[in-house]
Amino acid sequence: MQAKITNLLFLCTQNSARSIMAECILNELGAGRFRAYSAGSHPAGRVNPDALDLLEGLGHPTDSLGSKSWDVFAEAGTPEMDVVITVCDRAAGETCPLWPGRPVGAHWPLPDPAAVEGGAAERAAAFAAVYQAIAARVEALVALPVETLDDPEALRRRLAEIGATGP
């Protein structure tokens, strides 16, 4: 019997860095149990080049990554989400579309590495720090037992705990 795949949508305002990195990391670490997607309330229309450089440098596939509107996932025929996680405070404060089904919501606040000013080294360090914070949270998510994923209230509590871990 094939295990149920948990669909998870990561949201950020521009869908160009944090949510993209989270999608990429979860699709790798959670393969077979999770399917991650990402979107933004006001998508940039492109993935941040520093995020792409970091992901590609770490061996992640990036061909399928793209900045898109969260409205895409509220349309008929799109995958029904089990979990929706905001990764930036601005997106967390916005009114989200009505998602099909009843996804569990959570907020994992992360600093915006794209907002870091300075040279290439400073930007690379900011992206690496956020990547590490996301990876640690995703590892904790992937380690959750199946019974937690099947219990919406238990999952909501665990996601909040994971999101409270600081970057």
Protein backbone atom coordinates (compact mmCIF):
# COMPACT_ATOMS: atom_id res chain seq x y z
CA MET A 1 0.00 0.00 0.00
CA GLN A 2 1.36 3.37 -1.04
CA ALA A 3 1.65 5.98 1.72
CA LYS A 4 -0.33 9.19 1.33
CA ILE A 5 1.67 12.11 -0.02
CA THR A 6 1.26 15.29 2.04
CA ASN A 7 0.94 18.35 -0.21
CA LEU A 8 2.49 21.46 1.31
CA LEU A 9 2.45 25.03 0.01
CA PHE A 10 5.10 27.51 1.17
CA LEU A 11 4.02 31.15 0.85
CA CYS A 12 6.00 34.36 0.78
CA THR A 13 5.26 37.76 -0.67
CA GLN A 14 7.48 37.62 -3.77
CA ASN A 15 8.02 33.86 -4.04
CA SER A 16 11.60 34.47 -5.10
CA ALA A 17 13.81 33.21 -2.27
CA ARG A 18 12.58 31.79 1.07
CA SER A 19 9.51 29.95 -0.21
CA ILE A 20 11.47 28.72 -3.25
CA MET A 21 14.26 27.35 -1.04
CA ALA A 22 11.72 25.67 1.25
CA GLU A 23 9.97 24.03 -1.73
CA CYS A 24 13.28 22.76 -3.07
CA ILE A 25 14.54 21.40 0.27
CA LEU A 26 11.28 19.64 1.20
CA ASN A 27 10.94 18.04 -2.22
CA GLU A 28 14.37 16.52 -1.73
CA LEU A 29 14.26 15.57 1.97
CA GLY A 30 10.60 14.57 1.98
CA ALA A 31 10.51 12.70 -1.32
CA GLY A 32 7.91 9.94 -1.17
CA ARG A 33 6.06 11.49 1.81
CA PHE A 34 5.72 15.15 0.86
CA ARG A 35 5.21 17.19 -2.29
CA ALA A 36 6.12 20.84 -1.83
CA TYR A 37 5.00 23.84 -3.82
CA SER A 38 5.57 27.57 -3.38
CA ALA A 39 3.82 30.77 -4.34
CA GLY A 40 3.57 34.45 -3.47
CA SER A 41 0.95 37.07 -2.81
CA HIS A 42 2.81 39.51 -5.11
CA PRO A 43 5.22 37.28 -7.05
CA ALA A 44 8.42 38.78 -8.38
CA GLY A 45 8.06 36.81 -11.60
CA ARG A 46 11.54 35.35 -11.28
CA VAL A 47 13.56 33.41 -8.75
CA ASN A 48 16.22 35.48 -6.98
CA PRO A 49 19.59 34.78 -8.66
CA ASP A 50 21.33 34.46 -5.27
CA ALA A 51 18.81 31.78 -4.24
CA LEU A 52 19.39 29.92 -7.51
CA ASP A 53 23.19 30.15 -7.10
CA LEU A 54 22.98 28.70 -3.59
CA LEU A 55 20.58 25.90 -4.51
CA GLU A 56 22.53 24.92 -7.61
CA GLY A 57 25.81 25.10 -5.68
CA LEU A 58 24.38 22.62 -3.17
CA GLY A 59 23.31 20.26 -5.96
CA HIS A 60 19.55 20.94 -5.86
CA PRO A 61 17.66 20.72 -9.15
CA THR A 62 16.25 24.14 -10.02
CA ASP A 63 14.77 23.69 -13.49
CA SER A 64 11.17 23.45 -12.25
CA LEU A 65 11.37 26.42 -9.84
CA GLY A 66 9.46 29.57 -10.69
CA SER A 67 7.86 32.57 -9.03
CA LYS A 68 4.06 32.36 -9.23
CA SER A 69 0.93 33.76 -7.65
CA TRP A 70 -0.79 31.97 -4.80
CA ASP A 71 -4.01 32.35 -6.79
CA VAL A 72 -2.82 29.44 -8.94
CA PHE A 73 -3.36 27.06 -6.02
CA ALA A 74 -6.90 28.25 -5.31
CA GLU A 75 -8.06 27.27 -8.83
CA ALA A 76 -9.99 24.14 -9.67
CA GLY A 77 -7.83 21.24 -10.77
CA THR A 78 -4.76 22.19 -8.77
CA PRO A 79 -3.40 19.86 -6.09
CA GLU A 80 -5.32 20.10 -2.82
CA MET A 81 -3.01 21.31 -0.07
CA ASP A 82 -2.80 19.55 3.27
CA VAL A 83 -0.55 22.22 4.80
CA VAL A 84 0.07 25.91 4.01
CA ILE A 85 3.10 27.57 5.65
CA THR A 86 3.95 31.26 5.39
CA VAL A 87 7.67 32.01 5.65
CA CYS A 88 7.54 35.80 5.78
CA ASP A 89 5.68 38.11 8.14
CA ARG A 90 4.16 40.20 5.36
CA ALA A 91 2.49 37.21 3.67
CA ALA A 92 1.35 35.91 7.07
CA GLY A 93 -0.53 39.16 7.63
CA GLU A 94 -2.33 39.13 4.30
CA THR A 95 -5.70 37.61 3.57
CA CYS A 96 -5.01 34.35 1.76
CA PRO A 97 -7.28 32.88 -0.88
CA LEU A 98 -9.69 30.18 0.19
CA TRP A 99 -7.80 26.97 -0.34
CA PRO A 100 -9.66 23.87 -1.48
CA GLY A 101 -9.95 21.36 1.37
CA ARG A 102 -9.01 22.33 4.87
CA PRO A 103 -5.24 22.75 4.95
CA VAL A 104 -3.46 23.14 8.27
CA GLY A 105 -1.85 26.58 8.46
CA ALA A 106 1.39 27.60 10.12
CA HIS A 107 3.87 30.47 10.13
CA TRP A 108 7.63 29.95 10.04
CA PRO A 109 9.06 33.50 10.16
CA LEU A 110 12.38 33.90 8.41
CA PRO A 111 14.44 37.01 7.63
CA ASP A 112 14.50 38.08 3.99
CA PRO A 113 17.96 37.37 2.60
CA ALA A 114 17.15 39.41 -0.51
CA ALA A 115 16.86 42.52 1.68
CA VAL A 116 20.49 42.26 2.81
CA GLU A 117 22.58 45.09 1.42
CA GLY A 118 26.23 44.74 0.64
CA GLY A 119 28.44 42.81 -1.67
CA ALA A 120 28.23 39.29 -2.97
CA ALA A 121 29.81 37.83 0.19
CA GLU A 122 27.26 39.46 2.50
CA ARG A 123 24.36 38.37 0.32
CA ALA A 124 25.71 34.81 0.03
CA ALA A 125 26.08 34.62 3.83
CA ALA A 126 22.50 35.83 4.34
CA PHE A 127 21.11 33.28 1.87
CA ALA A 128 23.19 30.50 3.44
CA ALA A 129 21.91 31.35 6.94
CA VAL A 130 18.28 31.33 5.82
CA TYR A 131 18.84 28.10 3.88
CA GLN A 132 20.21 26.45 7.04
CA ALA A 133 17.22 27.64 9.09
CA ILE A 134 14.79 26.30 6.50
CA ALA A 135 16.65 23.01 6.21
CA ALA A 136 16.53 22.51 10.01
CA ARG A 137 12.78 23.16 10.07
CA VAL A 138 12.15 20.91 7.09
CA GLU A 139 14.20 18.13 8.72
CA ALA A 140 11.99 18.44 11.83
CA LEU A 141 8.88 18.30 9.64
CA VAL A 142 10.06 15.23 7.75
CA ALA A 143 10.86 13.50 11.06
CA LEU A 144 7.24 13.77 12.25
CA PRO A 145 5.52 10.41 12.57
CA VAL A 146 2.72 9.64 10.11
CA GLU A 147 0.11 9.67 12.87
CA THR A 148 0.96 13.33 13.56
CA LEU A 149 0.46 14.17 9.88
CA ASP A 150 -2.95 12.48 9.99
CA ASP A 151 -4.14 14.49 13.04
CA PRO A 152 -4.75 18.16 12.04
CA GLU A 153 -4.61 19.55 15.59
CA ALA A 154 -1.45 17.65 16.49
CA LEU A 155 0.10 18.71 13.20
CA ARG A 156 -0.84 22.37 13.80
CA ARG A 157 0.84 22.27 17.22
CA ARG A 158 3.99 20.59 15.91
CA LEU A 159 4.26 23.03 12.98
CA ALA A 160 3.99 25.95 15.40
CA GLU A 161 6.75 24.44 17.54
CA ILE A 162 8.95 23.95 14.50
CA GLY A 163 8.29 27.52 13.35
CA ALA A 164 9.25 28.89 16.77
CA THR A 165 12.80 27.60 16.37
CA GLY A 166 14.94 30.60 15.52
CA PRO A 167 17.14 31.02 12.49
